[in-house]
Amino acid sequence: MDRTETSFGPVRVIPGHRGSRFPACTSIFIEKRDALILGELSRPRTLRELSEMGLIYDRKFLIDEWIFVWNEIMVKKHLSRLVRNGLVVETEEGFVAR
C-alpha cells in the first residue's frame, strides 16, 4: 500500500495506515505553523507560553478550554517534530530554535 506524503504548497497530506480508514485517518500538516512557531523561538519559550500566543488557533478562540487544550496538543506535536528534525532544542528554560 502506498503511504506517500503529498504536498500542496504549505499543506502536506500524510496518509494513515489501512488506507486511511478509521482509526488510522489521514493527517493534514500545515508547514506555515512550523514557521510561526520557529519565529517565536529566538529565545526560550515554554509550551504554555507558545500555546497562549494563538499560533495554531487564533487567540480569540482560546477562551474555550477545549480549544485551548487542542491548541496546546498541536503546538506540542509541532515542537516534537521540530526537535526531532534538529531545528529546535529543549532546554531547562523552554524550547529554542537552533
N, C-alpha and C. Protein backbone atom coordinates (compact mmCIF):
# COMPACT_ATOMS: atom_id res chain seq x y z
N MET A 1 0.84 -1.17 0.00
CA MET A 1 0.00 0.00 0.00
C MET A 1 0.89 1.24 0.00
N ASP A 2 0.60 2.20 -0.86
CA ASP A 2 1.38 3.42 -0.98
C ASP A 2 0.96 4.40 0.11
N ARG A 3 1.93 4.82 0.94
CA ARG A 3 1.66 5.80 2.00
C ARG A 3 2.50 7.05 1.78
N THR A 4 2.62 7.46 0.54
CA THR A 4 3.46 8.59 0.19
C THR A 4 2.80 9.89 0.59
N GLU A 5 3.62 10.77 1.18
CA GLU A 5 3.14 12.10 1.51
C GLU A 5 2.99 12.91 0.22
N THR A 6 2.01 13.79 0.20
CA THR A 6 1.77 14.66 -0.94
C THR A 6 1.71 16.09 -0.43
N SER A 7 2.34 17.01 -1.13
CA SER A 7 2.32 18.40 -0.72
C SER A 7 1.56 19.25 -1.72
N PHE A 8 0.82 20.20 -1.19
CA PHE A 8 0.11 21.20 -1.98
C PHE A 8 0.47 22.54 -1.37
N GLY A 9 1.56 23.16 -1.86
CA GLY A 9 2.04 24.39 -1.25
C GLY A 9 2.45 24.12 0.19
N PRO A 10 1.92 24.91 1.14
CA PRO A 10 2.31 24.72 2.54
C PRO A 10 1.57 23.58 3.24
N VAL A 11 0.69 22.89 2.54
CA VAL A 11 -0.11 21.82 3.14
C VAL A 11 0.44 20.47 2.70
N ARG A 12 0.72 19.61 3.68
CA ARG A 12 1.22 18.27 3.39
C ARG A 12 0.17 17.26 3.86
N VAL A 13 -0.20 16.33 2.99
CA VAL A 13 -1.17 15.28 3.32
C VAL A 13 -0.39 14.01 3.61
N ILE A 14 -0.63 13.44 4.80
CA ILE A 14 0.09 12.24 5.23
C ILE A 14 -0.93 11.12 5.41
N PRO A 15 -0.95 10.14 4.49
CA PRO A 15 -1.93 9.06 4.59
C PRO A 15 -1.72 8.22 5.85
N GLY A 16 -2.81 7.76 6.43
CA GLY A 16 -2.73 6.88 7.60
C GLY A 16 -2.61 5.43 7.18
N HIS A 17 -2.48 4.55 8.16
CA HIS A 17 -2.42 3.12 7.92
C HIS A 17 -3.78 2.61 7.44
N ARG A 18 -3.81 1.41 6.93
CA ARG A 18 -5.06 0.76 6.50
C ARG A 18 -5.84 1.59 5.48
N GLY A 19 -5.14 2.26 4.59
CA GLY A 19 -5.82 3.04 3.57
C GLY A 19 -6.54 4.25 4.14
N SER A 20 -6.07 4.72 5.28
CA SER A 20 -6.63 5.88 5.97
C SER A 20 -8.05 5.64 6.47
N ARG A 21 -8.38 4.37 6.69
CA ARG A 21 -9.70 4.06 7.27
C ARG A 21 -9.60 4.17 8.78
N PHE A 22 -10.69 4.58 9.41
CA PHE A 22 -10.74 4.73 10.86
C PHE A 22 -10.19 3.50 11.54
N PRO A 23 -9.38 3.59 12.57
CA PRO A 23 -8.99 4.81 13.28
C PRO A 23 -7.72 5.44 12.75
N ALA A 24 -7.16 4.95 11.67
CA ALA A 24 -5.90 5.48 11.12
C ALA A 24 -6.20 6.46 10.00
N CYS A 25 -6.67 7.61 10.36
CA CYS A 25 -7.11 8.59 9.37
C CYS A 25 -5.93 9.34 8.75
N THR A 26 -6.19 10.03 7.67
CA THR A 26 -5.20 10.85 7.00
C THR A 26 -4.92 12.10 7.84
N SER A 27 -3.67 12.50 7.89
CA SER A 27 -3.29 13.72 8.61
C SER A 27 -3.01 14.82 7.62
N ILE A 28 -3.35 16.04 8.00
CA ILE A 28 -3.03 17.20 7.20
C ILE A 28 -2.10 18.06 8.03
N PHE A 29 -0.94 18.33 7.49
CA PHE A 29 0.10 19.06 8.20
C PHE A 29 0.30 20.39 7.51
N ILE A 30 0.25 21.47 8.25
CA ILE A 30 0.39 22.79 7.66
C ILE A 30 1.76 23.36 8.01
N GLU A 31 2.63 23.44 7.01
CA GLU A 31 4.02 23.87 7.19
C GLU A 31 4.11 25.28 7.76
N LYS A 32 3.15 26.13 7.44
CA LYS A 32 3.16 27.52 7.92
C LYS A 32 3.24 27.55 9.44
N ARG A 33 2.62 26.59 10.09
CA ARG A 33 2.62 26.58 11.55
C ARG A 33 4.02 26.36 12.10
N ASP A 34 4.82 25.55 11.45
CA ASP A 34 6.22 25.38 11.86
C ASP A 34 6.93 26.73 11.82
N ALA A 35 6.73 27.47 10.75
CA ALA A 35 7.39 28.76 10.59
C ALA A 35 6.93 29.74 11.68
N LEU A 36 5.64 29.72 12.00
CA LEU A 36 5.13 30.60 13.05
C LEU A 36 5.76 30.27 14.40
N ILE A 37 5.85 28.98 14.70
CA ILE A 37 6.44 28.55 15.98
C ILE A 37 7.92 28.89 16.01
N LEU A 38 8.65 28.56 14.94
CA LEU A 38 10.08 28.88 14.87
C LEU A 38 10.34 30.37 15.03
N GLY A 39 9.46 31.19 14.48
CA GLY A 39 9.61 32.63 14.57
C GLY A 39 9.55 33.16 15.99
N GLU A 40 8.94 32.41 16.88
CA GLU A 40 8.81 32.82 18.28
C GLU A 40 9.90 32.23 19.17
N LEU A 41 10.80 31.45 18.59
CA LEU A 41 11.79 30.74 19.40
C LEU A 41 13.20 31.33 19.32
N SER A 42 13.30 32.64 19.14
CA SER A 42 14.62 33.28 19.17
C SER A 42 15.15 33.30 20.61
N ARG A 43 14.26 33.15 21.56
CA ARG A 43 14.61 32.98 22.97
C ARG A 43 13.79 31.81 23.51
N PRO A 44 14.23 31.20 24.60
CA PRO A 44 13.49 30.04 25.12
C PRO A 44 12.05 30.39 25.50
N ARG A 45 11.14 29.51 25.12
CA ARG A 45 9.71 29.67 25.44
C ARG A 45 9.18 28.33 25.92
N THR A 46 8.30 28.38 26.90
CA THR A 46 7.68 27.15 27.38
C THR A 46 6.52 26.76 26.46
N LEU A 47 6.08 25.52 26.60
CA LEU A 47 4.92 25.06 25.85
C LEU A 47 3.72 25.94 26.16
N ARG A 48 3.55 26.31 27.42
CA ARG A 48 2.42 27.14 27.83
C ARG A 48 2.49 28.53 27.16
N GLU A 49 3.67 29.13 27.15
CA GLU A 49 3.82 30.44 26.51
C GLU A 49 3.46 30.37 25.04
N LEU A 50 3.96 29.36 24.36
CA LEU A 50 3.67 29.21 22.93
C LEU A 50 2.19 28.96 22.71
N SER A 51 1.59 28.16 23.56
CA SER A 51 0.17 27.84 23.42
C SER A 51 -0.70 29.09 23.60
N GLU A 52 -0.31 29.96 24.49
CA GLU A 52 -1.09 31.18 24.75
C GLU A 52 -0.97 32.22 23.65
N MET A 53 -0.03 32.05 22.73
CA MET A 53 0.18 33.02 21.66
C MET A 53 -0.85 32.91 20.54
N GLY A 54 -1.56 31.81 20.47
CA GLY A 54 -2.54 31.66 19.40
C GLY A 54 -1.92 31.38 18.05
N LEU A 55 -0.88 30.57 18.02
CA LEU A 55 -0.19 30.27 16.76
C LEU A 55 -0.93 29.23 15.92
N ILE A 56 -1.73 28.39 16.56
CA ILE A 56 -2.50 27.37 15.83
C ILE A 56 -3.93 27.85 15.68
N TYR A 57 -4.60 28.07 16.78
CA TYR A 57 -5.93 28.68 16.78
C TYR A 57 -5.76 30.12 17.22
N ASP A 58 -6.43 31.04 16.57
CA ASP A 58 -6.34 32.45 16.92
C ASP A 58 -6.67 32.65 18.41
N ARG A 59 -6.02 33.62 19.03
CA ARG A 59 -6.19 33.86 20.47
C ARG A 59 -7.64 34.05 20.88
N LYS A 60 -8.46 34.62 20.01
CA LYS A 60 -9.86 34.87 20.38
C LYS A 60 -10.62 33.58 20.65
N PHE A 61 -10.13 32.45 20.10
CA PHE A 61 -10.80 31.17 20.31
C PHE A 61 -10.29 30.44 21.56
N LEU A 62 -9.19 30.92 22.13
CA LEU A 62 -8.57 30.21 23.24
C LEU A 62 -9.30 30.39 24.57
N ILE A 63 -10.39 31.15 24.57
CA ILE A 63 -11.18 31.28 25.80
C ILE A 63 -11.94 29.99 26.10
N ASP A 64 -12.16 29.18 25.08
CA ASP A 64 -12.80 27.88 25.27
C ASP A 64 -11.74 26.89 25.74
N GLU A 65 -11.97 26.23 26.88
CA GLU A 65 -10.97 25.31 27.45
C GLU A 65 -10.61 24.17 26.50
N TRP A 66 -11.60 23.63 25.79
CA TRP A 66 -11.34 22.52 24.87
C TRP A 66 -10.43 22.97 23.73
N ILE A 67 -10.74 24.13 23.18
CA ILE A 67 -9.92 24.64 22.07
C ILE A 67 -8.51 24.94 22.56
N PHE A 68 -8.38 25.47 23.79
CA PHE A 68 -7.04 25.72 24.33
C PHE A 68 -6.25 24.42 24.42
N VAL A 69 -6.89 23.36 24.90
CA VAL A 69 -6.21 22.06 25.03
C VAL A 69 -5.81 21.54 23.65
N TRP A 70 -6.72 21.60 22.67
CA TRP A 70 -6.39 21.15 21.31
C TRP A 70 -5.22 21.97 20.76
N ASN A 71 -5.27 23.28 20.99
CA ASN A 71 -4.20 24.17 20.56
C ASN A 71 -2.88 23.73 21.17
N GLU A 72 -2.87 23.47 22.47
CA GLU A 72 -1.65 23.06 23.15
C GLU A 72 -1.13 21.72 22.63
N ILE A 73 -2.04 20.80 22.35
CA ILE A 73 -1.64 19.50 21.78
C ILE A 73 -0.98 19.70 20.42
N MET A 74 -1.55 20.56 19.59
CA MET A 74 -0.98 20.80 18.27
C MET A 74 0.38 21.47 18.36
N VAL A 75 0.52 22.45 19.26
CA VAL A 75 1.82 23.10 19.45
C VAL A 75 2.85 22.06 19.88
N LYS A 76 2.45 21.19 20.80
CA LYS A 76 3.36 20.15 21.30
C LYS A 76 3.80 19.21 20.17
N LYS A 77 2.86 18.83 19.29
CA LYS A 77 3.19 17.95 18.16
C LYS A 77 4.17 18.63 17.20
N HIS A 78 3.94 19.91 16.93
CA HIS A 78 4.85 20.65 16.05
C HIS A 78 6.23 20.76 16.69
N LEU A 79 6.26 21.06 18.00
CA LEU A 79 7.55 21.15 18.69
C LEU A 79 8.29 19.83 18.65
N SER A 80 7.59 18.73 18.88
CA SER A 80 8.22 17.41 18.84
C SER A 80 8.86 17.15 17.48
N ARG A 81 8.14 17.51 16.43
CA ARG A 81 8.66 17.31 15.08
C ARG A 81 9.87 18.21 14.83
N LEU A 82 9.80 19.46 15.28
CA LEU A 82 10.91 20.39 15.10
C LEU A 82 12.14 19.94 15.88
N VAL A 83 11.94 19.40 17.08
CA VAL A 83 13.06 18.86 17.87
C VAL A 83 13.65 17.65 17.16
N ARG A 84 12.78 16.75 16.70
CA ARG A 84 13.22 15.53 16.01
C ARG A 84 14.02 15.86 14.75
N ASN A 85 13.66 16.96 14.09
CA ASN A 85 14.36 17.36 12.86
C ASN A 85 15.56 18.27 13.12
N GLY A 86 15.88 18.49 14.39
CA GLY A 86 17.07 19.26 14.74
C GLY A 86 16.95 20.76 14.59
N LEU A 87 15.73 21.28 14.44
CA LEU A 87 15.55 22.72 14.27
C LEU A 87 15.33 23.44 15.59
N VAL A 88 14.95 22.69 16.63
CA VAL A 88 14.64 23.24 17.94
C VAL A 88 15.27 22.34 18.99
N VAL A 89 15.70 22.94 20.09
CA VAL A 89 16.19 22.16 21.23
C VAL A 89 15.36 22.54 22.46
N GLU A 90 15.21 21.57 23.35
CA GLU A 90 14.51 21.82 24.60
C GLU A 90 15.56 22.02 25.69
N THR A 91 15.49 23.15 26.37
CA THR A 91 16.40 23.47 27.46
C THR A 91 15.61 23.53 28.76
N GLU A 92 16.31 23.80 29.86
CA GLU A 92 15.62 23.94 31.15
C GLU A 92 14.62 25.11 31.13
N GLU A 93 14.93 26.14 30.33
CA GLU A 93 14.07 27.32 30.26
C GLU A 93 12.93 27.18 29.27
N GLY A 94 12.99 26.20 28.40
CA GLY A 94 11.96 26.01 27.38
C GLY A 94 12.54 25.58 26.05
N PHE A 95 11.80 25.80 25.00
CA PHE A 95 12.21 25.44 23.65
C PHE A 95 12.84 26.65 22.98
N VAL A 96 13.90 26.41 22.19
CA VAL A 96 14.56 27.50 21.48
C VAL A 96 15.05 26.98 20.13
N ALA A 97 15.00 27.86 19.13
CA ALA A 97 15.48 27.49 17.79
C ALA A 97 16.99 27.37 17.80
N ARG A 98 17.51 26.45 16.98
CA ARG A 98 18.98 26.28 16.85
C ARG A 98 19.56 27.38 16.02
